């Protein structure tokens, strides 16, 4: 499905237009066109190639999907690939939705196979920025990038908060489910980092190269997005360190508790072995044996076992094995 909006930078009006009028509107430098293509078909790609004369390689990348976040420069426009992230479903499954942008001086084409929340929000938000219409297609592109990057922050905050809860649970009630949760969060973070960290290179390249398409004022907006990306990258790195610390803490606490259990089992075994030694000696089936026929032999053996057991128990308590 193809929809199109046109912003008149002179009258500062925003209207929805027909796809058939795009050719005429693009020839007017005072018009900024935003074409959104959702769940594109083969016919849609042919229409884009015919209308905007996009390079076949850029259309091929857009059609195949599953691209790494990147920026590629073609004559008169850029192809930029970004990913929107969201926790979806009852199990908080992390979803990354790909968004391809063809960014020209007075047009923006967005292509996505799945609904993108940022696209719907920015279409409504663009009217509130209409007083800055002179920034051209760079303005809606900035609003899209800003909305997508800003959504990374609460998501990382949520993962960090959950990791903090797991760290606290490690020292309160060590359960195998804690390690499973840590691995699930770590997998989500690795999945998220695949969509976030390459954006540093994308915007670094976008800011460092010469940009004949946009004025210096528009360049400042992209700089703002780049700073937010650096902040998100730092949050992701901090969360990675926190997860590594949580795993180390789990293993340390688990090993410490295992050592405590082994000490206790060893202590109990030592006490039982000592008493069993006495019982074994007096239980040997010999005819000539000291105190074998003594009247108080049973009581003596029993008290000896109890005494030896208590003595060993006291010693083990003193060295804090029990």
Protein backbone atom coordinates (compact mmCIF):
# COMPACT_ATOMS: atom_id res chain seq x y z
CA UNK A 1 0.00 0.00 0.00
CA UNK A 2 1.37 3.39 -1.06
CA UNK A 3 0.38 6.65 0.60
CA UNK A 4 1.83 10.12 -0.02
CA UNK A 5 1.97 13.44 1.83
CA UNK A 6 3.07 16.74 0.31
CA UNK A 7 4.32 19.73 2.29
CA UNK A 8 4.22 23.13 0.61
CA UNK A 9 7.20 25.00 2.07
CA UNK A 10 5.84 28.33 0.82
CA UNK A 11 2.26 28.17 2.08
CA UNK A 12 3.28 25.74 4.85
CA UNK A 13 0.38 23.41 4.22
CA UNK A 14 0.43 19.63 4.47
CA UNK A 15 -1.92 17.56 2.33
CA UNK A 16 -2.34 13.96 1.28
CA UNK A 17 -1.81 13.58 -2.46
CA UNK A 18 -2.29 10.92 -5.08
CA UNK A 19 0.64 8.83 -6.20
CA UNK A 20 -0.05 10.02 -9.76
CA UNK A 21 0.76 13.63 -8.80
CA UNK A 22 4.19 12.90 -7.34
CA UNK A 23 6.10 13.46 -10.60
CA UNK A 24 4.75 16.97 -10.99
CA UNK A 25 5.22 17.84 -7.31
CA UNK A 26 8.85 16.66 -7.25
CA UNK A 27 9.73 19.11 -10.00
CA UNK A 28 8.71 21.99 -7.73
CA UNK A 29 11.53 22.74 -5.22
CA UNK A 30 8.94 24.31 -2.91
CA UNK A 31 7.22 20.95 -2.41
CA UNK A 32 8.41 18.18 -0.07
CA UNK A 33 6.95 14.75 -0.76
CA UNK A 34 6.85 11.84 1.66
CA UNK A 35 5.85 8.50 0.13
CA UNK A 36 5.25 5.60 2.49
CA UNK A 37 5.14 2.05 1.12
CA UNK A 38 3.87 -0.59 3.55
CA UNK A 39 4.09 -4.30 2.71
CA UNK A 40 5.40 -3.56 -0.81
CA UNK A 41 4.63 -5.75 -3.80
CA UNK A 42 6.64 -6.26 -6.95
CA UNK A 43 4.44 -3.70 -8.68
CA UNK A 44 5.24 -1.13 -5.97
CA UNK A 45 8.98 -1.53 -6.54
CA UNK A 46 8.49 -1.07 -10.28
CA UNK A 47 6.52 2.12 -9.61
CA UNK A 48 9.29 3.42 -7.33
CA UNK A 49 11.95 2.66 -9.93
CA UNK A 50 9.92 4.42 -12.62
CA UNK A 51 8.96 7.43 -10.53
CA UNK A 52 12.21 8.16 -8.68
CA UNK A 53 14.77 6.43 -10.93
CA UNK A 54 16.29 4.62 -7.98
CA UNK A 55 19.42 2.60 -8.64
CA UNK A 56 18.65 -1.14 -9.10
CA UNK A 57 21.10 -2.08 -6.33
CA UNK A 58 19.30 0.09 -3.78
CA UNK A 59 15.94 -1.39 -4.75
CA UNK A 60 17.41 -4.88 -4.58
CA UNK A 61 18.64 -4.27 -1.01
CA UNK A 62 15.27 -2.88 -0.05
CA UNK A 63 13.40 -5.78 -1.63
CA UNK A 64 15.55 -8.52 -0.09
CA UNK A 65 15.40 -7.08 3.44
CA UNK A 66 17.35 -8.29 6.49
CA UNK A 67 20.00 -5.67 5.81
CA UNK A 68 22.50 -4.48 8.35
CA UNK A 69 21.83 -0.87 9.47
CA UNK A 70 23.70 1.13 6.88
CA UNK A 71 23.86 4.20 4.67
CA UNK A 72 24.65 4.14 0.97
CA UNK A 73 25.01 7.15 -1.28
CA UNK A 74 23.55 7.15 -4.79
CA UNK A 75 23.24 9.99 -7.29
CA UNK A 76 20.82 12.48 -5.75
CA UNK A 77 19.73 10.45 -2.71
CA UNK A 78 20.76 8.24 0.22
CA UNK A 79 19.56 4.76 1.11
CA UNK A 80 19.43 4.38 4.90
CA UNK A 81 18.38 1.22 6.73
CA UNK A 82 17.33 1.40 10.39
CA UNK A 83 15.45 -0.89 12.78
CA UNK A 84 12.61 -0.15 15.18
CA UNK A 85 12.66 -2.23 18.38
CA UNK A 86 9.78 -3.29 20.61
CA UNK A 87 9.04 -5.90 23.28
CA UNK A 88 5.97 -7.75 22.04
CA UNK A 89 3.80 -10.61 23.23
CA UNK A 90 3.18 -11.98 26.72
CA UNK A 91 6.76 -13.26 26.90
CA UNK A 92 8.25 -9.83 26.02
CA UNK A 93 9.78 -11.11 22.81
CA UNK A 94 12.12 -8.55 21.25
CA UNK A 95 11.11 -7.60 17.72
CA UNK A 96 13.23 -5.62 15.27
CA UNK A 97 11.31 -4.16 12.34
CA UNK A 98 13.29 -3.01 9.33
CA UNK A 99 12.72 0.40 7.79
CA UNK A 100 14.37 1.52 4.54
CA UNK A 101 14.54 5.21 3.69
CA UNK A 102 15.29 6.77 0.32
CA UNK A 103 16.23 10.31 1.26
CA UNK A 104 16.49 13.03 -1.38
CA UNK A 105 16.57 16.81 -1.27
CA UNK A 106 12.80 17.28 -1.47
CA UNK A 107 11.45 13.77 -1.06
CA UNK A 108 11.45 10.91 1.42
CA UNK A 109 10.40 7.37 0.58
CA UNK A 110 9.94 4.89 3.43
CA UNK A 111 9.56 1.19 2.73
CA UNK A 112 8.67 -1.44 5.34
CA UNK A 113 7.07 -4.85 5.24
CA UNK A 114 5.60 -4.57 8.75
CA UNK A 115 3.83 -1.69 10.51
CA UNK A 116 6.26 0.84 11.98
CA UNK A 117 5.01 2.83 14.97
CA UNK A 118 7.41 5.69 14.27
CA UNK A 119 5.99 6.20 10.76
CA UNK A 120 2.43 6.58 12.02
CA UNK A 121 3.52 8.89 14.85
CA UNK A 122 5.69 11.12 12.67
CA UNK A 123 2.97 11.48 10.03
CA UNK A 124 0.84 13.10 12.75
CA UNK A 125 3.78 14.97 14.30
CA UNK A 126 4.98 16.51 11.03
CA UNK A 127 2.14 19.06 11.13
CA UNK A 128 3.47 20.48 14.42
CA UNK A 129 6.86 21.15 12.77
CA UNK A 130 5.38 22.79 9.72
CA UNK A 131 6.93 26.15 10.66
CA UNK A 132 10.32 24.59 9.83
CA UNK A 133 9.28 23.44 6.38
CA UNK A 134 12.36 25.01 4.82
CA UNK A 135 14.45 22.07 6.09
CA UNK A 136 12.90 19.94 3.35
CA UNK A 137 12.86 16.14 3.46
CA UNK A 138 15.57 16.14 6.12
CA UNK A 139 12.98 17.19 8.72
CA UNK A 140 10.65 14.15 8.50
CA UNK A 141 13.74 11.94 8.21
CA UNK A 142 15.07 13.45 11.45
CA UNK A 143 11.71 12.95 13.17
CA UNK A 144 11.73 9.28 12.14
CA UNK A 145 15.29 8.69 13.31
CA UNK A 146 14.64 10.54 16.56
CA UNK A 147 11.46 8.56 17.30
CA UNK A 148 13.14 5.22 16.59
CA UNK A 149 16.27 5.98 18.65
CA UNK A 150 14.28 7.44 21.56
CA UNK A 151 12.30 4.18 21.79
CA UNK A 152 15.52 2.29 22.45
CA UNK A 153 16.06 4.09 25.77
CA UNK A 154 12.96 2.93 27.73
CA UNK A 155 13.51 -0.56 26.34
CA UNK A 156 17.07 -0.62 27.69
CA UNK A 157 15.83 0.87 30.97
CA UNK A 158 13.35 -1.99 31.27
CA UNK A 159 16.04 -4.61 30.61
CA UNK A 160 18.37 -2.92 33.10
CA UNK A 161 15.65 -2.84 35.77
CA UNK A 162 14.92 -6.52 35.21
CA UNK A 163 18.64 -7.32 35.47
CA UNK A 164 18.84 -5.44 38.79
CA UNK A 165 15.95 -7.54 40.12
CA UNK A 166 17.74 -10.73 39.09
CA UNK A 167 20.96 -9.60 40.79
CA UNK A 168 19.02 -9.01 44.02
CA UNK A 169 17.35 -12.41 43.68
CA UNK A 170 20.76 -14.09 43.40
CA UNK A 171 21.68 -13.13 46.96
CA UNK A 172 18.21 -13.81 48.39
CA UNK A 173 17.01 -17.02 46.80
CA UNK A 174 19.35 -18.71 44.36
CA UNK A 175 17.20 -20.51 41.79
CA UNK A 176 18.12 -22.06 38.42
CA UNK A 177 15.48 -19.84 36.78
CA UNK A 178 17.61 -16.79 37.59
CA UNK A 179 20.40 -17.93 35.27
CA UNK A 180 17.83 -18.72 32.58
CA UNK A 181 16.40 -15.20 32.85
CA UNK A 182 19.89 -13.70 32.65
CA UNK A 183 20.59 -15.62 29.44
CA UNK A 184 17.24 -14.51 27.97
CA UNK A 185 18.01 -10.86 28.68
CA UNK A 186 21.51 -11.28 27.30
CA UNK A 187 20.12 -12.73 24.11
CA UNK A 188 17.69 -9.81 23.77
CA UNK A 189 20.54 -7.37 24.30
CA UNK A 190 22.71 -9.05 21.66
CA UNK A 191 19.76 -8.96 19.27
CA UNK A 192 19.17 -5.29 20.04
CA UNK A 193 22.83 -4.36 19.66
CA UNK A 194 22.76 -5.72 16.12
CA UNK A 195 20.24 -3.02 15.24
CA UNK A 196 21.65 -0.20 17.36
CA UNK A 197 25.43 -0.19 17.32
CA UNK A 198 25.88 0.02 13.51
CA UNK A 199 23.85 3.24 13.62
CA UNK A 200 26.88 4.95 15.14
CA UNK A 201 28.77 4.34 11.92
CA UNK A 202 25.73 5.28 9.82
CA UNK A 203 25.31 8.72 11.37
CA UNK A 204 29.01 9.29 11.80
CA UNK A 205 29.37 8.79 8.04
CA UNK A 206 26.29 10.91 7.37
CA UNK A 207 27.72 13.78 9.42
CA UNK A 208 31.30 13.57 8.22
CA UNK A 209 30.74 13.49 4.48
CA UNK A 210 29.82 16.43 2.31
CA UNK A 211 26.03 16.77 2.06
CA UNK A 212 24.91 18.75 -0.94
CA UNK A 213 21.34 17.56 -0.37
CA UNK A 214 20.77 19.44 2.90
CA UNK A 215 21.57 22.79 4.42
CA UNK A 216 23.76 23.19 7.47
CA UNK A 217 20.68 23.79 9.66
CA UNK A 218 19.38 20.31 8.82
CA UNK A 219 22.80 18.89 9.58
CA UNK A 220 22.34 20.00 13.22
CA UNK A 221 19.23 17.81 13.59
CA UNK A 222 21.15 14.73 12.48
CA UNK A 223 23.84 15.64 15.00
CA UNK A 224 21.20 15.47 17.74
CA UNK A 225 20.22 11.95 16.66
CA UNK A 226 23.89 10.93 16.61
CA UNK A 227 24.32 12.06 20.22
CA UNK A 228 21.25 10.04 21.24
CA UNK A 229 22.67 6.99 19.49
CA UNK A 230 25.91 7.36 21.44
CA UNK A 231 23.88 7.51 24.64
CA UNK A 232 21.96 4.37 23.68
CA UNK A 233 25.22 2.60 22.81
CA UNK A 234 26.63 3.50 26.23
CA UNK A 235 23.48 2.16 27.91
CA UNK A 236 23.80 -1.07 25.94
CA UNK A 237 27.46 -1.44 26.94
CA UNK A 238 26.62 -0.77 30.60
CA UNK A 239 23.85 -3.34 30.51
CA UNK A 240 26.21 -5.86 28.94
CA UNK A 241 28.66 -5.29 31.80
CA UNK A 242 25.83 -5.61 34.32
CA UNK A 243 24.73 -8.92 32.81
CA UNK A 244 28.30 -10.21 32.92
CA UNK A 245 28.52 -9.18 36.59
CA UNK A 246 25.19 -10.89 37.28
CA UNK A 247 26.43 -14.13 35.73
CA UNK A 248 29.67 -13.94 37.73
CA UNK A 249 27.70 -13.26 40.90
CA UNK A 250 25.42 -16.23 40.25
CA UNK A 251 28.38 -18.55 39.70
CA UNK A 252 30.19 -17.19 42.76
CA UNK A 253 27.17 -17.54 45.03
CA UNK A 254 26.41 -20.98 43.61
CA UNK A 255 30.02 -22.09 44.16
CA UNK A 256 30.04 -20.65 47.68
CA UNK A 257 26.85 -22.47 48.57
CA UNK A 258 28.20 -25.67 47.07
CA UNK A 259 31.32 -25.34 49.21
CA UNK A 260 29.15 -24.84 52.29
CA UNK A 261 27.13 -27.95 51.47
CA UNK A 262 30.26 -29.97 50.86
CA UNK A 263 31.71 -28.82 54.19
CA UNK A 264 28.57 -29.86 56.02
CA UNK A 265 28.42 -33.22 54.29
CA UNK A 266 32.10 -33.79 55.05
CA UNK A 267 31.55 -32.84 58.70
CA UNK A 268 28.59 -35.21 59.06
CA UNK A 269 30.55 -37.98 57.36
CA UNK A 270 33.50 -37.43 59.74
CA UNK A 271 31.25 -37.70 62.81
CA UNK A 272 29.53 -40.83 61.50
CA UNK A 273 32.84 -42.43 60.49
CA UNK A 274 34.26 -41.87 64.00
CA UNK A 275 31.29 -43.43 65.75
CA UNK A 276 31.17 -46.21 63.18
CA UNK A 277 34.83 -46.97 63.92
CA UNK A 278 34.02 -47.66 67.56
CA UNK A 279 30.94 -49.68 66.64
CA UNK A 280 32.98 -51.62 64.11
CA UNK A 281 35.71 -52.49 66.60
CA UNK A 282 33.30 -53.75 69.24
CA UNK A 283 31.25 -55.51 66.63
CA UNK A 284 34.12 -57.74 65.48
CA UNK A 285 33.37 -61.42 65.99
CA UNK A 286 36.49 -62.47 68.00
CA UNK A 287 36.45 -64.81 70.98
CA UNK A 288 39.30 -63.26 72.97
CA UNK A 289 38.63 -59.54 73.00
CA UNK A 290 39.16 -57.02 75.85
CA UNK A 291 35.99 -56.01 77.67
CA UNK A 292 33.97 -58.38 75.53
CA UNK A 293 32.23 -59.94 78.54
CA UNK A 294 32.21 -56.77 80.62
CA UNK A 295 28.81 -56.08 82.18
CA UNK A 296 28.81 -52.39 81.19
CA UNK A 297 30.47 -52.86 77.82
CA UNK A 298 27.45 -51.78 75.78
CA UNK A 299 26.96 -48.60 77.79
CA UNK A 300 30.68 -47.85 77.60
CA UNK A 301 30.74 -48.28 73.80
CA UNK A 302 27.63 -46.17 73.36
CA UNK A 303 28.98 -43.36 75.56
CA UNK A 304 32.29 -43.52 73.73
CA UNK A 305 30.57 -43.04 70.38
CA UNK A 306 28.54 -40.14 71.74
CA UNK A 307 31.60 -38.54 73.32
CA UNK A 308 33.75 -38.85 70.22
CA UNK A 309 30.90 -37.54 68.07
CA UNK A 310 30.34 -34.51 70.31
CA UNK A 311 34.06 -33.76 70.47
CA UNK A 312 34.37 -33.79 66.69
CA UNK A 313 31.17 -31.74 66.37
CA UNK A 314 32.55 -29.11 68.74
CA UNK A 315 35.81 -28.94 66.83
CA UNK A 316 34.02 -28.55 63.51
CA UNK A 317 31.85 -25.80 64.96
CA UNK A 318 34.94 -24.00 66.17
CA UNK A 319 36.52 -24.00 62.72
CA UNK A 320 33.12 -22.94 61.26
CA UNK A 321 32.49 -25.99 59.13
CA UNK A 322 29.11 -26.43 60.79
